[in-house]
């Protein structure tokens, strides 16, 4: 599965980032679906990532009936980790992904809908 959405400010409709669902580590054989997002630094702290990621999660769980969605964040990057926690993700520890040590987060459909 791959879904990518652009994120724009309401006014002046400036592009601020993107959010999406993809096969974990870009591997189409992966059984895991990953939430990924990137926001321009000038738009940090305005809630764009949380709002857009929440809508993409809803799409994955409700329209595609996914049971679980994962996300990975660098250990030294606490802001996106906080966003994931606010969305209901739990951190299950560290692992290697994309050739780097990352914090591994996951959320189930039941937890998202609770």
Protein backbone atom coordinates (compact mmCIF):
# COMPACT_ATOMS: atom_id res chain seq x y z
CA UNK A 1 0.00 0.00 0.00
CA UNK A 2 1.17 3.49 -0.76
CA UNK A 3 -0.77 6.67 -0.09
CA UNK A 4 0.94 10.07 -0.16
CA UNK A 5 -0.80 13.37 0.57
CA UNK A 6 0.57 16.90 0.33
CA UNK A 7 -0.01 19.24 3.27
CA UNK A 8 -0.83 22.89 2.54
CA UNK A 9 -1.48 25.89 4.75
CA UNK A 10 -5.03 27.18 4.41
CA UNK A 11 -3.80 30.63 3.52
CA UNK A 12 -1.80 31.35 1.37
CA UNK A 13 -2.03 27.67 0.28
CA UNK A 14 1.69 27.17 0.71
CA UNK A 15 3.09 23.63 0.64
CA UNK A 16 4.37 22.67 4.11
CA UNK A 17 4.98 18.92 3.89
CA UNK A 18 3.63 15.49 3.16
CA UNK A 19 2.19 12.52 4.99
CA UNK A 20 1.42 9.02 3.86
CA UNK A 21 1.22 5.28 4.32
CA UNK A 22 3.77 3.02 2.69
CA UNK A 23 5.16 -0.49 2.88
CA UNK A 24 7.64 -0.64 5.75
CA UNK A 25 11.19 0.06 4.51
CA UNK A 26 9.70 0.49 1.01
CA UNK A 27 9.49 -3.31 0.75
CA UNK A 28 6.28 -4.41 -1.02
CA UNK A 29 6.69 -7.85 0.61
CA UNK A 30 6.49 -6.31 4.08
CA UNK A 31 3.43 -7.18 6.13
CA UNK A 32 3.75 -3.84 7.92
CA UNK A 33 2.25 -0.53 6.81
CA UNK A 34 4.21 2.52 7.90
CA UNK A 35 3.05 6.07 8.58
CA UNK A 36 5.62 8.60 7.38
CA UNK A 37 5.52 12.38 7.49
CA UNK A 38 7.81 15.30 6.83
CA UNK A 39 7.10 18.97 7.57
CA UNK A 40 9.10 22.02 6.50
CA UNK A 41 10.95 23.51 9.44
CA UNK A 42 9.13 26.83 8.98
CA UNK A 43 5.84 25.01 9.73
CA UNK A 44 6.96 23.06 12.82
CA UNK A 45 4.81 23.41 15.92
CA UNK A 46 1.62 24.42 14.12
CA UNK A 47 -0.17 21.07 14.33
CA UNK A 48 0.04 20.19 10.64
CA UNK A 49 1.75 16.84 11.18
CA UNK A 50 -0.64 15.73 13.90
CA UNK A 51 -3.77 16.73 11.97
CA UNK A 52 -2.65 15.24 8.66
CA UNK A 53 -1.28 12.05 10.23
CA UNK A 54 -4.54 11.56 12.13
CA UNK A 55 -6.53 11.75 8.90
CA UNK A 56 -4.20 9.31 7.13
CA UNK A 57 -4.47 6.89 10.06
CA UNK A 58 -8.26 7.12 9.89
CA UNK A 59 -8.08 6.37 6.15
CA UNK A 60 -5.87 3.33 6.74
CA UNK A 61 -7.94 1.90 9.56
CA UNK A 62 -11.43 2.68 8.29
CA UNK A 63 -11.17 2.45 4.52
CA UNK A 64 -8.47 -0.21 4.22
CA UNK A 65 -9.28 -2.06 7.44
CA UNK A 66 -5.63 -2.23 8.49
CA UNK A 67 -5.10 -3.89 11.86
CA UNK A 68 -1.85 -2.09 12.74
CA UNK A 69 0.24 0.82 11.48
CA UNK A 70 3.87 1.40 12.45
CA UNK A 71 6.20 4.37 12.32
CA UNK A 72 9.91 4.84 12.98
CA UNK A 73 11.68 7.94 14.25
CA UNK A 74 15.32 8.70 14.97
CA UNK A 75 16.05 8.36 18.71
CA UNK A 76 17.36 11.93 18.89
CA UNK A 77 14.24 13.47 17.33
CA UNK A 78 11.70 13.90 20.17
CA UNK A 79 9.18 16.18 18.40
CA UNK A 80 7.82 13.56 15.96
CA UNK A 81 7.95 10.97 18.74
CA UNK A 82 5.64 13.24 20.76
CA UNK A 83 3.29 13.57 17.77
CA UNK A 84 3.05 9.79 17.48
CA UNK A 85 2.35 9.45 21.21
CA UNK A 86 -0.41 12.08 21.01
CA UNK A 87 -1.97 10.07 18.17
CA UNK A 88 -1.99 6.97 20.39
CA UNK A 89 1.13 5.16 19.17
CA UNK A 90 3.18 3.21 21.67
CA UNK A 91 6.94 2.81 21.43
CA UNK A 92 8.01 -0.83 21.48
CA UNK A 93 11.75 -0.12 21.55
CA UNK A 94 14.66 0.40 19.22
CA UNK A 95 15.48 -1.51 16.05
CA UNK A 96 17.31 -1.06 12.79
CA UNK A 97 15.35 0.26 9.81
CA UNK A 98 16.52 2.03 6.68
CA UNK A 99 20.08 1.25 7.81
CA UNK A 100 19.80 3.28 11.04
CA UNK A 101 18.86 2.76 14.68
CA UNK A 102 15.30 4.01 15.14
CA UNK A 103 12.56 4.10 17.73
CA UNK A 104 9.78 1.74 16.59
CA UNK A 105 6.19 2.85 17.22
CA UNK A 106 2.92 1.08 16.51
CA UNK A 107 -0.80 1.61 16.88
CA UNK A 108 -3.66 -0.83 16.39
CA UNK A 109 -7.04 -0.07 14.90
CA UNK A 110 -8.71 -0.75 18.28
CA UNK A 111 -6.44 1.70 20.07
CA UNK A 112 -6.92 4.37 17.41
CA UNK A 113 -10.71 4.05 17.54
CA UNK A 114 -10.84 4.05 21.36
